[in-house]
Amino acid sequence: MAKKKDARVTVILECTSCIRNGAKKVSTGISRYITQKNRHNTPNRLELRKFCRYCYKHTIHGEINK
């Protein structure tokens, strides 16, 4: 059977400020969220404002590759 190309794909969102300030942080870890997006409606990388439990504030979370 051939693999079906679905419009919905699972993406991982990662905090962008944790990546930049990785060496300066006291706590270790990077905030990540798992969500889905429609490949046809949103072909570009997804960026959402989500709460980062390591930064203790709302930051931009960007899509990363698996």
PDB file of N, CA and C in Angstrom:
ATOM      1  N   MET A   1       0.821  -1.178   0.000  1.00  0.00           N
ATOM      2  CA  MET A   1       0.000   0.000   0.000  1.00  0.00           C
ATOM      3  C   MET A   1       0.872   1.251   0.000  1.00  0.00           C
ATOM      4  N   ALA A   2       0.402   2.224  -0.715  1.00  0.00           N
ATOM      5  CA  ALA A   2       1.119   3.491  -0.770  1.00  0.00           C
ATOM      6  C   ALA A   2       0.782   4.329   0.464  1.00  0.00           C
ATOM      7  N   LYS A   3       1.746   5.134   0.893  1.00  0.00           N
ATOM      8  CA  LYS A   3       1.520   6.006   2.043  1.00  0.00           C
ATOM      9  C   LYS A   3       0.670   7.201   1.616  1.00  0.00           C
ATOM     10  N   LYS A   4      -0.384   7.472   2.374  1.00  0.00           N
ATOM     11  CA  LYS A   4      -1.301   8.553   2.041  1.00  0.00           C
ATOM     12  C   LYS A   4      -0.717   9.883   2.491  1.00  0.00           C
ATOM     13  N   LYS A   5      -0.794  10.909   1.632  1.00  0.00           N
ATOM     14  CA  LYS A   5      -0.305  12.249   1.981  1.00  0.00           C
ATOM     15  C   LYS A   5      -1.451  13.031   2.588  1.00  0.00           C
ATOM     16  N   ASP A   6      -1.498  13.073   3.909  1.00  0.00           N
ATOM     17  CA  ASP A   6      -2.553  13.797   4.592  1.00  0.00           C
ATOM     18  C   ASP A   6      -2.267  15.287   4.592  1.00  0.00           C
ATOM     19  N   ALA A   7      -3.331  16.068   4.705  1.00  0.00           N
ATOM     20  CA  ALA A   7      -3.178  17.516   4.805  1.00  0.00           C
ATOM     21  C   ALA A   7      -2.707  17.893   6.201  1.00  0.00           C
ATOM     22  N   ARG A   8      -3.104  17.122   7.214  1.00  0.00           N
ATOM     23  CA  ARG A   8      -2.732  17.409   8.606  1.00  0.00           C
ATOM     24  C   ARG A   8      -1.431  16.700   8.956  1.00  0.00           C
ATOM     25  N   VAL A   9      -0.489  17.460   9.502  1.00  0.00           N
ATOM     26  CA  VAL A   9       0.786  16.893   9.946  1.00  0.00           C
ATOM     27  C   VAL A   9       1.042  17.322  11.386  1.00  0.00           C
ATOM     28  N   THR A  10       1.749  16.492  12.134  1.00  0.00           N
ATOM     29  CA  THR A  10       2.111  16.796  13.509  1.00  0.00           C
ATOM     30  C   THR A  10       3.407  17.596  13.513  1.00  0.00           C
ATOM     31  N   VAL A  11       3.416  18.706  14.258  1.00  0.00           N
ATOM     32  CA  VAL A  11       4.609  19.553  14.348  1.00  0.00           C
ATOM     33  C   VAL A  11       4.973  19.765  15.813  1.00  0.00           C
ATOM     34  N   ILE A  12       6.233  20.074  16.051  1.00  0.00           N
ATOM     35  CA  ILE A  12       6.729  20.359  17.390  1.00  0.00           C
ATOM     36  C   ILE A  12       7.101  21.832  17.445  1.00  0.00           C
ATOM     37  N   LEU A  13       6.577  22.533  18.456  1.00  0.00           N
ATOM     38  CA  LEU A  13       6.887  23.943  18.662  1.00  0.00           C
ATOM     39  C   LEU A  13       7.871  24.051  19.823  1.00  0.00           C
ATOM     40  N   GLU A  14       8.942  24.814  19.626  1.00  0.00           N
ATOM     41  CA  GLU A  14       9.990  24.954  20.630  1.00  0.00           C
ATOM     42  C   GLU A  14      10.204  26.421  20.958  1.00  0.00           C
ATOM     43  N   CYS A  15      10.426  26.731  22.225  1.00  0.00           N
ATOM     44  CA  CYS A  15      10.624  28.106  22.674  1.00  0.00           C
ATOM     45  C   CYS A  15      11.882  28.690  22.037  1.00  0.00           C
ATOM     46  N   THR A  16      11.756  29.874  21.439  1.00  0.00           N
ATOM     47  CA  THR A  16      12.907  30.483  20.773  1.00  0.00           C
ATOM     48  C   THR A  16      13.797  31.226  21.752  1.00  0.00           C
ATOM     49  N   SER A  17      13.264  31.733  22.867  1.00  0.00           N
ATOM     50  CA  SER A  17      14.102  32.460  23.815  1.00  0.00           C
ATOM     51  C   SER A  17      14.933  31.508  24.670  1.00  0.00           C
ATOM     52  N   CYS A  18      14.465  30.302  24.912  1.00  0.00           N
ATOM     53  CA  CYS A  18      15.253  29.312  25.661  1.00  0.00           C
ATOM     54  C   CYS A  18      16.473  28.873  24.857  1.00  0.00           C
ATOM     55  N   ILE A  19      16.325  28.812  23.540  1.00  0.00           N
ATOM     56  CA  ILE A  19      17.437  28.404  22.678  1.00  0.00           C
ATOM     57  C   ILE A  19      18.530  29.466  22.699  1.00  0.00           C
ATOM     58  N   ARG A  20      18.125  30.744  22.623  1.00  0.00           N
ATOM     59  CA  ARG A  20      19.110  31.830  22.589  1.00  0.00           C
ATOM     60  C   ARG A  20      19.796  32.018  23.930  1.00  0.00           C
ATOM     61  N   ASN A  21      19.062  31.855  25.030  1.00  0.00           N
ATOM     62  CA  ASN A  21      19.616  32.102  26.364  1.00  0.00           C
ATOM     63  C   ASN A  21      19.944  30.802  27.084  1.00  0.00           C
ATOM     64  N   GLY A  22      20.283  29.763  26.349  1.00  0.00           N
ATOM     65  CA  GLY A  22      20.540  28.446  26.931  1.00  0.00           C
ATOM     66  C   GLY A  22      21.669  28.425  27.941  1.00  0.00           C
ATOM     67  N   ALA A  23      22.750  29.149  27.706  1.00  0.00           N
ATOM     68  CA  ALA A  23      23.890  29.110  28.606  1.00  0.00           C
ATOM     69  C   ALA A  23      23.662  29.970  29.850  1.00  0.00           C
ATOM     70  N   LYS A  24      22.803  30.999  29.753  1.00  0.00           N
ATOM     71  CA  LYS A  24      22.608  31.928  30.854  1.00  0.00           C
ATOM     72  C   LYS A  24      21.532  31.463  31.834  1.00  0.00           C
ATOM     73  N   LYS A  25      20.739  30.455  31.456  1.00  0.00           N
ATOM     74  CA  LYS A  25      19.617  30.042  32.276  1.00  0.00           C
ATOM     75  C   LYS A  25      20.070  29.257  33.503  1.00  0.00           C
ATOM     76  N   VAL A  26      19.320  29.403  34.591  1.00  0.00           N
ATOM     77  CA  VAL A  26      19.576  28.632  35.791  1.00  0.00           C
ATOM     78  C   VAL A  26      18.966  27.245  35.649  1.00  0.00           C
ATOM     79  N   SER A  27      17.702  27.186  35.212  1.00  0.00           N
ATOM     80  CA  SER A  27      17.042  25.898  35.035  1.00  0.00           C
ATOM     81  C   SER A  27      17.400  25.322  33.666  1.00  0.00           C
ATOM     82  N   THR A  28      17.480  24.008  33.605  1.00  0.00           N
ATOM     83  CA  THR A  28      17.785  23.368  32.329  1.00  0.00           C
ATOM     84  C   THR A  28      16.496  22.878  31.702  1.00  0.00           C
ATOM     85  N   GLY A  29      16.423  22.960  30.405  1.00  0.00           N
ATOM     86  CA  GLY A  29      15.260  22.476  29.682  1.00  0.00           C
ATOM     87  C   GLY A  29      14.790  23.481  28.656  1.00  0.00           C
ATOM     88  N   ILE A  30      14.039  22.977  27.693  1.00  0.00           N
ATOM     89  CA  ILE A  30      13.478  23.810  26.643  1.00  0.00           C
ATOM     90  C   ILE A  30      12.002  23.456  26.551  1.00  0.00           C
ATOM     91  N   SER A  31      11.156  24.476  26.545  1.00  0.00           N
ATOM     92  CA  SER A  31       9.721  24.274  26.468  1.00  0.00           C
ATOM     93  C   SER A  31       9.345  23.814  25.074  1.00  0.00           C
ATOM     94  N   ARG A  32       8.576  22.723  24.977  1.00  0.00           N
ATOM     95  CA  ARG A  32       8.127  22.198  23.695  1.00  0.00           C
ATOM     96  C   ARG A  32       6.652  21.856  23.763  1.00  0.00           C
ATOM     97  N   TYR A  33       5.947  22.111  22.670  1.00  0.00           N
ATOM     98  CA  TYR A  33       4.546  21.758  22.517  1.00  0.00           C
ATOM     99  C   TYR A  33       4.393  20.927  21.252  1.00  0.00           C
ATOM    100  N   ILE A  34       3.438  19.995  21.253  1.00  0.00           N
ATOM    101  CA  ILE A  34       3.122  19.205  20.073  1.00  0.00           C
ATOM    102  C   ILE A  34       1.729  19.604  19.621  1.00  0.00           C
ATOM    103  N   THR A  35       1.589  19.912  18.335  1.00  0.00           N
ATOM    104  CA  THR A  35       0.308  20.316  17.773  1.00  0.00           C
ATOM    105  C   THR A  35       0.228  19.834  16.334  1.00  0.00           C
ATOM    106  N   GLN A  36      -0.865  20.153  15.672  1.00  0.00           N
ATOM    107  CA  GLN A  36      -1.041  19.794  14.274  1.00  0.00           C
ATOM    108  C   GLN A  36      -1.298  21.043  13.448  1.00  0.00           C
ATOM    109  N   LYS A  37      -0.923  20.966  12.179  1.00  0.00           N
ATOM    110  CA  LYS A  37      -1.224  22.059  11.255  1.00  0.00           C
ATOM    111  C   LYS A  37      -1.648  21.468   9.931  1.00  0.00           C
ATOM    112  N   ASN A  38      -2.383  22.267   9.169  1.00  0.00           N
ATOM    113  CA  ASN A  38      -2.813  21.873   7.836  1.00  0.00           C
ATOM    114  C   ASN A  38      -1.727  22.285   6.849  1.00  0.00           C
ATOM    115  N   ARG A  39      -1.161  21.317   6.182  1.00  0.00           N
ATOM    116  CA  ARG A  39      -0.038  21.563   5.269  1.00  0.00           C
ATOM    117  C   ARG A  39      -0.428  22.449   4.087  1.00  0.00           C
ATOM    118  N   HIS A  40      -1.682  22.344   3.624  1.00  0.00           N
ATOM    119  CA  HIS A  40      -2.120  23.123   2.462  1.00  0.00           C
ATOM    120  C   HIS A  40      -2.409  24.574   2.829  1.00  0.00           C
ATOM    121  N   ASN A  41      -2.977  24.825   4.005  1.00  0.00           N
ATOM    122  CA  ASN A  41      -3.302  26.186   4.422  1.00  0.00           C
ATOM    123  C   ASN A  41      -2.099  26.931   4.994  1.00  0.00           C
ATOM    124  N   THR A  42      -1.160  26.214   5.618  1.00  0.00           N
ATOM    125  CA  THR A  42       0.002  26.827   6.255  1.00  0.00           C
ATOM    126  C   THR A  42       1.272  26.134   5.768  1.00  0.00           C
ATOM    127  N   PRO A  43       1.749  26.460   4.578  1.00  0.00           N
ATOM    128  CA  PRO A  43       2.949  25.786   4.075  1.00  0.00           C
ATOM    129  C   PRO A  43       4.231  26.253   4.762  1.00  0.00           C
ATOM    130  N   ASN A  44       4.234  27.470   5.321  1.00  0.00           N
ATOM    131  CA  ASN A  44       5.428  27.994   5.993  1.00  0.00           C
ATOM    132  C   ASN A  44       5.511  27.458   7.417  1.00  0.00           C
ATOM    133  N   ARG A  45       6.639  27.758   8.063  1.00  0.00           N
ATOM    134  CA  ARG A  45       6.814  27.323   9.449  1.00  0.00           C
ATOM    135  C   ARG A  45       5.848  28.058  10.365  1.00  0.00           C
ATOM    136  N   LEU A  46       5.325  27.335  11.348  1.00  0.00           N
ATOM    137  CA  LEU A  46       4.344  27.863  12.273  1.00  0.00           C
ATOM    138  C   LEU A  46       5.040  28.526  13.454  1.00  0.00           C
ATOM    139  N   GLU A  47       4.543  29.702  13.884  1.00  0.00           N
ATOM    140  CA  GLU A  47       5.052  30.391  15.075  1.00  0.00           C
ATOM    141  C   GLU A  47       3.869  30.859  15.896  1.00  0.00           C
ATOM    142  N   LEU A  48       3.812  30.455  17.166  1.00  0.00           N
ATOM    143  CA  LEU A  48       2.717  30.818  18.054  1.00  0.00           C
ATOM    144  C   LEU A  48       3.283  31.328  19.377  1.00  0.00           C
ATOM    145  N   ARG A  49       2.511  32.210  20.035  1.00  0.00           N
ATOM    146  CA  ARG A  49       2.873  32.657  21.377  1.00  0.00           C
ATOM    147  C   ARG A  49       2.294  31.671  22.380  1.00  0.00           C
ATOM    148  N   LYS A  50       3.173  30.999  23.120  1.00  0.00           N
ATOM    149  CA  LYS A  50       2.767  30.017  24.117  1.00  0.00           C
ATOM    150  C   LYS A  50       3.506  30.315  25.418  1.00  0.00           C
ATOM    151  N   PHE A  51       3.025  29.740  26.516  1.00  0.00           N
ATOM    152  CA  PHE A  51       3.664  29.944  27.802  1.00  0.00           C
ATOM    153  C   PHE A  51       4.848  28.997  27.948  1.00  0.00           C
ATOM    154  N   CYS A  52       5.997  29.559  28.296  1.00  0.00           N
ATOM    155  CA  CYS A  52       7.207  28.770  28.543  1.00  0.00           C
ATOM    156  C   CYS A  52       7.372  28.623  30.047  1.00  0.00           C
ATOM    157  N   ARG A  53       7.375  27.394  30.531  1.00  0.00           N
ATOM    158  CA  ARG A  53       7.482  27.178  31.972  1.00  0.00           C
ATOM    159  C   ARG A  53       8.901  27.372  32.499  1.00  0.00           C
ATOM    160  N   TYR A  54       9.872  27.456  31.620  1.00  0.00           N
ATOM    161  CA  TYR A  54      11.247  27.702  32.046  1.00  0.00           C
ATOM    162  C   TYR A  54      11.564  29.197  32.083  1.00  0.00           C
ATOM    163  N   CYS A  55      10.974  29.969  31.178  1.00  0.00           N
ATOM    164  CA  CYS A  55      11.154  31.430  31.164  1.00  0.00           C
ATOM    165  C   CYS A  55      10.132  32.130  32.058  1.00  0.00           C
ATOM    166  N   TYR A  56       9.051  31.426  32.418  1.00  0.00           N
ATOM    167  CA  TYR A  56       7.954  31.965  33.229  1.00  0.00           C
ATOM    168  C   TYR A  56       7.252  33.140  32.552  1.00  0.00           C
ATOM    169  N   LYS A  57       7.089  33.085  31.221  1.00  0.00           N
ATOM    170  CA  LYS A  57       6.367  34.122  30.490  1.00  0.00           C
ATOM    171  C   LYS A  57       5.951  33.576  29.131  1.00  0.00           C
ATOM    172  N   HIS A  58       5.088  34.317  28.451  1.00  0.00           N
ATOM    173  CA  HIS A  58       4.654  33.946  27.111  1.00  0.00           C
ATOM    174  C   HIS A  58       5.739  34.355  26.114  1.00  0.00           C
ATOM    175  N   THR A  59       6.168  33.414  25.296  1.00  0.00           N
ATOM    176  CA  THR A  59       7.219  33.664  24.309  1.00  0.00           C
ATOM    177  C   THR A  59       6.797  33.077  22.968  1.00  0.00           C
ATOM    178  N   ILE A  60       7.564  33.381  21.941  1.00  0.00           N
ATOM    179  CA  ILE A  60       7.321  32.836  20.605  1.00  0.00           C
ATOM    180  C   ILE A  60       7.860  31.411  20.559  1.00  0.00           C
ATOM    181  N   HIS A  61       7.022  30.493  20.145  1.00  0.00           N
ATOM    182  CA  HIS A  61       7.425  29.096  19.949  1.00  0.00           C
ATOM    183  C   HIS A  61       7.390  28.827  18.447  1.00  0.00           C
ATOM    184  N   GLY A  62       8.500  28.367  17.896  1.00  0.00           N
ATOM    185  CA  GLY A  62       8.605  28.122  16.464  1.00  0.00           C
ATOM    186  C   GLY A  62       8.651  26.638  16.144  1.00  0.00           C
ATOM    187  N   GLU A  63       8.256  26.318  14.938  1.00  0.00           N
ATOM    188  CA  GLU A  63       8.237  24.923  14.480  1.00  0.00           C
ATOM    189  C   GLU A  63       9.652  24.422  14.247  1.00  0.00           C
ATOM    190  N   ILE A  64       9.916  23.180  14.670  1.00  0.00           N
ATOM    191  CA  ILE A  64      11.220  22.563  14.434  1.00  0.00           C
ATOM    192  C   ILE A  64      11.004  21.268  13.677  1.00  0.00           C
ATOM    193  N   ASN A  65      12.080  20.731  13.097  1.00  0.00           N
ATOM    194  CA  ASN A  65      12.035  19.448  12.397  1.00  0.00           C
ATOM    195  C   ASN A  65      12.146  18.321  13.402  1.00  0.00           C
ATOM    196  N   LYS A  66      11.583  17.194  13.069  1.00  0.00           N
ATOM    197  CA  LYS A  66      11.640  16.007  13.954  1.00  0.00           C
ATOM    198  C   LYS A  66      12.973  15.352  13.865  1.00  0.00           C
TER     199      LYS A  66
END
